[in-house]
């Protein structure tokens, strides 16, 4: 594969947590019907750790390997890879988790759609669940895109349901999930934030989690459409799936996630809330957003006090949040986004 291919396919590694997936994942990339691609691998594995990712990737000489030597997180790691693709004048960039399997025509379907629809900034596949432990593919939905609630939170459309009853034609969704999406690089450039040293495409205030929600929001404000292309199918071994049933089941599932993940999630939700709070909205939306934040704070105080430390970080980052708010590229009436709230 020559440098300067139309599509750059990029993934991030981190120790054994990603290495176990790589043989099957990379084989699924090698089987793609669309071949004008450049595969680049960023590695967040700390340099002092044993690195099984590097050992596996050496068996795939076509892959360009970039060990970062430290854990940069999802946003900063991908921003380095975006910069490379921009410099080499690619058209599109496939963000893809290594804990996925791609059907052979995934990239072809997504590229064809973006080629034919210049108003679309991001096209994502239908994502079904991969039971990696049981080594079988399922018909359970992992994500059909991101939905925005009236309170300002986000959720994966269809997650946990069986595939077959959803809309099986290409249609717009509010946002994409970072597990797998083909991004138009010109769209990314139009919403990038200049931090004074380089451009940020994913917001680097968000180390990990919800950076896809934020970028979706910025693309929408800049008048880029985001679509689900259901004939493109990938399978994802998501470690944290929203629990079915009532609040007790959901709380039990939440308690099983790490404290670090819960801190990241709370912090990043606050960044999004503060970044977009001043946009024109319905009064009912503002009230529901405030209500959601008050409920979230109550949960933190009573049940997850370890997450309260994020408020100190938010205070230190207040100038950076304001700078990002002022730099938003708004090409639409923000009130038009109300149609996406559920």
Protein backbone atom coordinates (compact mmCIF):
# COMPACT_ATOMS: atom_id res chain seq x y z
CA UNK A 1 0.00 0.00 0.00
CA UNK A 2 1.46 3.32 -1.03
CA UNK A 3 1.42 6.29 1.25
CA UNK A 4 -1.16 8.81 0.25
CA UNK A 5 -4.00 6.29 -0.09
CA UNK A 6 -7.55 7.66 -0.13
CA UNK A 7 -8.53 6.04 3.14
CA UNK A 8 -6.46 5.83 6.30
CA UNK A 9 -7.53 3.08 8.68
CA UNK A 10 -6.32 3.64 12.22
CA UNK A 11 -6.58 1.91 15.56
CA UNK A 12 -5.03 2.32 19.01
CA UNK A 13 -3.43 -0.45 21.02
CA UNK A 14 -2.88 -0.83 24.73
CA UNK A 15 -1.07 -3.88 26.06
CA UNK A 16 -2.75 -7.24 26.28
CA UNK A 17 -6.21 -5.67 26.42
CA UNK A 18 -6.00 -5.07 22.66
CA UNK A 19 -3.34 -7.60 21.61
CA UNK A 20 -5.68 -10.55 22.13
CA UNK A 21 -7.97 -9.20 19.40
CA UNK A 22 -5.37 -8.26 16.81
CA UNK A 23 -4.99 -11.50 14.79
CA UNK A 24 -8.70 -11.73 13.95
CA UNK A 25 -9.15 -7.97 13.66
CA UNK A 26 -6.21 -7.50 11.30
CA UNK A 27 -7.28 -10.46 9.19
CA UNK A 28 -10.69 -8.82 8.76
CA UNK A 29 -8.95 -5.66 7.54
CA UNK A 30 -6.87 -7.68 5.12
CA UNK A 31 -10.06 -9.15 3.63
CA UNK A 32 -11.61 -5.79 2.74
CA UNK A 33 -12.83 -5.43 -0.85
CA UNK A 34 -11.76 -1.77 -0.87
CA UNK A 35 -7.98 -1.79 -1.11
CA UNK A 36 -6.90 1.85 -1.50
CA UNK A 37 -6.15 2.04 2.22
CA UNK A 38 -3.24 2.80 4.50
CA UNK A 39 -3.35 1.06 7.88
CA UNK A 40 -1.71 2.88 10.78
CA UNK A 41 -1.48 1.67 14.36
CA UNK A 42 -0.90 3.94 17.31
CA UNK A 43 0.18 2.23 20.51
CA UNK A 44 -0.58 3.67 23.94
CA UNK A 45 1.26 0.90 25.76
CA UNK A 46 3.74 2.51 28.22
CA UNK A 47 7.32 1.97 27.10
CA UNK A 48 8.30 0.09 30.27
CA UNK A 49 5.62 -2.55 29.71
CA UNK A 50 5.99 -5.69 27.64
CA UNK A 51 4.32 -4.93 24.34
CA UNK A 52 2.48 -7.84 22.76
CA UNK A 53 0.88 -5.51 20.18
CA UNK A 54 4.23 -4.79 18.55
CA UNK A 55 5.07 -8.49 18.30
CA UNK A 56 1.81 -9.21 16.47
CA UNK A 57 1.92 -6.19 14.18
CA UNK A 58 5.40 -7.19 13.00
CA UNK A 59 3.67 -10.06 11.19
CA UNK A 60 1.77 -7.48 9.11
CA UNK A 61 4.52 -5.49 7.33
CA UNK A 62 2.02 -3.30 5.48
CA UNK A 63 0.92 -1.68 8.76
CA UNK A 64 2.71 1.48 9.83
CA UNK A 65 3.35 1.26 13.55
CA UNK A 66 3.66 4.27 15.88
CA UNK A 67 4.44 3.48 19.53
CA UNK A 68 3.75 6.57 21.63
CA UNK A 69 5.77 5.35 24.63
CA UNK A 70 3.02 6.45 27.02
CA UNK A 71 -0.72 6.25 27.34
CA UNK A 72 -1.93 9.37 25.52
CA UNK A 73 -5.56 8.34 25.75
CA UNK A 74 -8.08 8.00 22.94
CA UNK A 75 -8.39 11.66 21.92
CA UNK A 76 -4.72 12.67 21.87
CA UNK A 77 -3.61 9.36 20.37
CA UNK A 78 -6.03 9.68 17.49
CA UNK A 79 -5.20 13.34 16.97
CA UNK A 80 -1.62 12.34 16.20
CA UNK A 81 -2.85 9.87 13.60
CA UNK A 82 -5.31 12.39 12.11
CA UNK A 83 -2.40 14.80 11.66
CA UNK A 84 -0.46 12.18 9.72
CA UNK A 85 -3.42 11.45 7.42
CA UNK A 86 -3.96 15.17 6.83
CA UNK A 87 -0.30 15.70 5.91
CA UNK A 88 -0.45 12.81 3.44
CA UNK A 89 -3.62 14.19 1.85
CA UNK A 90 -6.00 11.33 2.52
CA UNK A 91 -9.71 11.83 1.85
CA UNK A 92 -11.21 9.72 4.60
CA UNK A 93 -10.19 8.29 7.94
CA UNK A 94 -11.62 5.13 9.48
CA UNK A 95 -11.58 5.24 13.28
CA UNK A 96 -11.88 1.61 14.32
CA UNK A 97 -11.48 -0.26 17.60
CA UNK A 98 -9.22 -3.33 17.49
CA UNK A 99 -11.85 -5.30 19.43
CA UNK A 100 -13.97 -5.47 16.27
CA UNK A 101 -14.42 -7.69 13.24
CA UNK A 102 -15.29 -6.10 9.91
CA UNK A 103 -17.35 -7.74 7.20
CA UNK A 104 -15.48 -7.63 3.86
CA UNK A 105 -17.46 -4.79 2.25
CA UNK A 106 -17.52 -2.40 5.22
CA UNK A 107 -14.98 0.13 3.94
CA UNK A 108 -16.28 -0.12 0.37
CA UNK A 109 -19.86 0.66 1.47
CA UNK A 110 -18.85 3.58 3.66
CA UNK A 111 -16.49 5.10 1.08
CA UNK A 112 -19.09 4.83 -1.69
CA UNK A 113 -21.63 6.63 0.45
CA UNK A 114 -19.31 9.51 1.33
CA UNK A 115 -18.23 9.78 -2.30
CA UNK A 116 -21.85 10.21 -3.36
CA UNK A 117 -22.94 12.55 -0.52
CA UNK A 118 -20.66 15.54 -0.05
CA UNK A 119 -22.80 16.92 2.79
CA UNK A 120 -22.04 13.92 5.01
CA UNK A 121 -19.11 14.28 7.39
CA UNK A 122 -19.30 10.87 9.05
CA UNK A 123 -20.68 7.48 8.03
CA UNK A 124 -20.85 4.64 10.52
CA UNK A 125 -21.64 0.96 10.08
CA UNK A 126 -24.24 -1.10 11.87
CA UNK A 127 -22.43 -2.46 14.92
CA UNK A 128 -23.46 -5.84 16.31
CA UNK A 129 -22.01 -7.63 19.31
CA UNK A 130 -19.05 -9.97 19.02
CA UNK A 131 -18.96 -12.54 21.81
CA UNK A 132 -15.18 -12.80 21.87
CA UNK A 133 -15.05 -15.14 24.84
CA UNK A 134 -17.51 -17.53 23.22
CA UNK A 135 -15.93 -16.92 19.80
CA UNK A 136 -19.15 -16.29 17.92
CA UNK A 137 -20.90 -13.40 16.22
CA UNK A 138 -24.33 -12.42 17.48
CA UNK A 139 -27.36 -10.55 16.15
CA UNK A 140 -27.49 -8.37 19.26
CA UNK A 141 -27.13 -4.67 18.49
CA UNK A 142 -24.15 -2.88 19.96
CA UNK A 143 -24.84 0.53 18.39
CA UNK A 144 -26.84 2.07 15.58
CA UNK A 145 -25.43 5.51 16.33
CA UNK A 146 -25.63 7.96 19.21
CA UNK A 147 -28.83 9.59 20.41
CA UNK A 148 -29.04 12.82 22.39
CA UNK A 149 -31.52 13.02 25.28
CA UNK A 150 -33.47 16.10 26.34
CA UNK A 151 -31.27 16.20 29.45
CA UNK A 152 -28.08 16.32 27.38
CA UNK A 153 -26.83 12.77 27.95
CA UNK A 154 -26.12 10.27 25.18
CA UNK A 155 -26.88 6.62 24.54
CA UNK A 156 -26.21 4.00 21.87
CA UNK A 157 -29.32 3.47 19.75
CA UNK A 158 -30.68 -0.06 19.88
CA UNK A 159 -28.06 -1.41 22.25
CA UNK A 160 -29.04 -4.83 23.63
CA UNK A 161 -31.87 -5.37 21.14
CA UNK A 162 -31.88 -8.06 18.48
CA UNK A 163 -31.13 -6.88 14.97
CA UNK A 164 -33.94 -7.14 12.46
CA UNK A 165 -36.53 -4.60 13.55
CA UNK A 166 -34.40 -1.48 13.14
CA UNK A 167 -34.39 0.84 10.13
CA UNK A 168 -32.44 -1.13 7.54
CA UNK A 169 -31.79 1.74 5.17
CA UNK A 170 -29.22 4.51 5.34
CA UNK A 171 -30.49 7.32 7.55
CA UNK A 172 -29.24 10.22 9.64
CA UNK A 173 -28.42 9.84 13.32
CA UNK A 174 -27.38 12.52 15.77
CA UNK A 175 -23.91 11.09 16.30
CA UNK A 176 -21.48 8.26 15.70
CA UNK A 177 -19.77 5.92 18.09
CA UNK A 178 -15.98 5.86 18.15
CA UNK A 179 -15.91 2.06 17.91
CA UNK A 180 -16.17 2.42 14.16
CA UNK A 181 -16.77 5.39 11.83
CA UNK A 182 -15.50 6.71 8.52
CA UNK A 183 -14.78 10.44 8.80
CA UNK A 184 -14.38 12.94 5.98
CA UNK A 185 -11.10 14.71 6.73
CA UNK A 186 -12.30 18.02 5.31
CA UNK A 187 -15.16 17.87 7.82
CA UNK A 188 -12.68 17.27 10.62
CA UNK A 189 -10.59 20.24 9.56
CA UNK A 190 -13.66 22.47 9.63
CA UNK A 191 -14.35 21.75 13.32
CA UNK A 192 -10.79 21.44 14.64
CA UNK A 193 -9.72 23.46 17.68
CA UNK A 194 -6.39 25.28 17.54
CA UNK A 195 -4.84 24.98 21.01
CA UNK A 196 -1.94 27.26 20.08
CA UNK A 197 0.43 24.40 19.33
CA UNK A 198 -1.53 22.12 17.02
CA UNK A 199 -5.07 21.28 15.93
CA UNK A 200 -7.27 19.08 18.08
CA UNK A 201 -9.91 17.06 16.27
CA UNK A 202 -11.06 15.03 19.24
CA UNK A 203 -11.16 17.29 22.31
CA UNK A 204 -8.07 16.51 24.39
CA UNK A 205 -9.77 17.65 27.58
CA UNK A 206 -11.40 14.23 27.25
CA UNK A 207 -8.77 11.57 27.88
CA UNK A 208 -11.20 8.80 27.04
CA UNK A 209 -15.00 8.33 26.73
CA UNK A 210 -17.59 10.65 25.17
CA UNK A 211 -15.12 12.29 22.80
CA UNK A 212 -17.24 10.82 20.00
CA UNK A 213 -20.34 12.53 21.46
CA UNK A 214 -18.52 15.86 21.48
CA UNK A 215 -17.16 15.57 17.95
CA UNK A 216 -20.61 14.55 16.69
CA UNK A 217 -22.04 17.69 18.31
CA UNK A 218 -19.43 19.90 16.62
CA UNK A 219 -19.98 18.29 13.22
CA UNK A 220 -23.73 18.86 13.52
CA UNK A 221 -23.23 22.52 14.46
CA UNK A 222 -20.99 22.96 11.40
CA UNK A 223 -23.81 21.59 9.20
CA UNK A 224 -22.29 18.19 8.49
CA UNK A 225 -24.66 15.24 8.36
CA UNK A 226 -23.92 11.96 10.17
CA UNK A 227 -25.42 8.75 8.83
CA UNK A 228 -25.79 5.06 9.60
CA UNK A 229 -25.06 2.79 6.63
CA UNK A 230 -26.60 -0.54 7.75
CA UNK A 231 -25.28 -2.66 4.86
CA UNK A 232 -21.83 -2.08 6.34
CA UNK A 233 -21.61 -4.38 9.37
CA UNK A 234 -18.98 -4.79 12.05
CA UNK A 235 -18.98 -6.81 15.25
CA UNK A 236 -17.75 -5.33 18.53
CA UNK A 237 -16.77 -7.01 21.79
CA UNK A 238 -17.97 -4.22 24.05
CA UNK A 239 -16.87 -4.83 27.64
CA UNK A 240 -19.50 -2.51 29.15
CA UNK A 241 -23.04 -3.02 27.86
CA UNK A 242 -26.02 -1.16 29.24
CA UNK A 243 -27.86 -3.46 31.61
CA UNK A 244 -31.36 -4.55 30.78
CA UNK A 245 -34.20 -4.22 33.28
CA UNK A 246 -34.83 -1.63 35.97
CA UNK A 247 -32.62 0.79 37.84
CA UNK A 248 -31.32 -1.93 40.18
CA UNK A 249 -29.89 -3.90 37.26
CA UNK A 250 -28.42 -0.77 35.73
CA UNK A 251 -26.88 0.31 39.02
CA UNK A 252 -25.35 -3.15 39.52
CA UNK A 253 -23.84 -2.97 36.04
CA UNK A 254 -22.50 0.52 36.74
CA UNK A 255 -20.86 -0.62 39.96
CA UNK A 256 -18.96 -3.25 38.00
CA UNK A 257 -17.21 -0.61 35.87
CA UNK A 258 -13.96 0.80 37.19
CA UNK A 259 -13.83 3.96 39.27
CA UNK A 260 -11.47 5.50 36.72
CA UNK A 261 -13.98 4.97 33.90
CA UNK A 262 -16.75 6.50 35.99
CA UNK A 263 -14.59 9.55 36.73
CA UNK A 264 -13.74 9.98 33.04
CA UNK A 265 -17.39 9.63 32.08
CA UNK A 266 -18.57 12.20 34.64
CA UNK A 267 -15.80 14.65 33.81
CA UNK A 268 -16.40 14.49 30.08
CA UNK A 269 -20.17 14.83 30.44
CA UNK A 270 -19.55 18.03 32.41
CA UNK A 271 -17.19 19.34 29.72
CA UNK A 272 -19.88 18.79 27.10
CA UNK A 273 -22.54 20.41 29.28
CA UNK A 274 -20.44 23.53 29.86
CA UNK A 275 -19.20 23.77 26.28
CA UNK A 276 -22.69 23.81 24.75
CA UNK A 277 -24.73 25.34 27.57
CA UNK A 278 -24.82 28.84 26.09
CA UNK A 279 -26.22 27.72 22.71
CA UNK A 280 -29.82 28.72 21.96
CA UNK A 281 -32.18 26.03 23.31
CA UNK A 282 -35.77 25.61 24.33
CA UNK A 283 -36.48 26.56 27.95
CA UNK A 284 -37.71 23.00 28.58
CA UNK A 285 -34.38 21.68 27.32
CA UNK A 286 -32.41 23.94 29.66
CA UNK A 287 -34.52 22.84 32.62
CA UNK A 288 -34.02 19.17 31.77
CA UNK A 289 -30.28 19.65 31.35
CA UNK A 290 -30.04 21.32 34.76
CA UNK A 291 -32.21 18.60 36.28
CA UNK A 292 -29.95 15.91 34.81
CA UNK A 293 -26.82 17.57 36.15
CA UNK A 294 -28.36 17.94 39.62
CA UNK A 295 -29.33 14.27 39.65
CA UNK A 296 -25.84 13.32 38.50
CA UNK A 297 -24.32 15.44 41.26
CA UNK A 298 -26.59 13.80 43.83
CA UNK A 299 -25.44 10.37 42.70
CA UNK A 300 -21.83 11.51 43.01
CA UNK A 301 -22.33 12.90 46.53
CA UNK A 302 -24.32 9.97 47.91
CA UNK A 303 -23.04 6.95 45.99
CA UNK A 304 -19.85 7.82 44.11
CA UNK A 305 -17.94 10.43 46.15
CA UNK A 306 -14.71 9.45 44.42
CA UNK A 307 -16.05 11.13 41.24
CA UNK A 308 -16.30 14.54 42.96
CA UNK A 309 -12.61 15.11 42.26
CA UNK A 310 -13.56 15.90 38.66
CA UNK A 311 -14.95 19.26 39.80
CA UNK A 312 -11.43 20.35 40.73
CA UNK A 313 -10.26 19.43 37.26
CA UNK A 314 -13.19 21.25 35.67
CA UNK A 315 -12.35 24.39 37.66
CA UNK A 316 -8.76 24.29 36.40
CA UNK A 317 -9.96 23.72 32.84
CA UNK A 318 -12.58 26.47 32.82
CA UNK A 319 -10.52 28.77 30.56
CA UNK A 320 -9.85 25.91 28.14
CA UNK A 321 -13.55 25.04 28.02
CA UNK A 322 -14.48 28.66 27.32
CA UNK A 323 -11.87 28.83 24.54
CA UNK A 324 -13.35 25.75 22.92
CA UNK A 325 -16.85 27.17 23.23
CA UNK A 326 -15.80 30.39 21.51
CA UNK A 327 -14.08 28.47 18.71
CA UNK A 328 -17.18 26.43 17.76
CA UNK A 329 -17.85 26.58 14.03
CA UNK A 330 -21.61 27.18 14.00
CA UNK A 331 -23.16 27.11 10.53
CA UNK A 332 -26.75 26.28 11.53
CA UNK A 333 -29.36 27.61 13.90
CA UNK A 334 -28.57 25.59 17.06
CA UNK A 335 -32.29 25.37 17.78
CA UNK A 336 -32.54 22.98 14.84
CA UNK A 337 -30.72 20.39 16.96
CA UNK A 338 -33.76 20.18 19.22
CA UNK A 339 -35.26 17.68 16.77
CA UNK A 340 -32.60 15.16 17.79
CA UNK A 341 -33.45 15.22 21.50
CA UNK A 342 -35.46 12.33 22.94
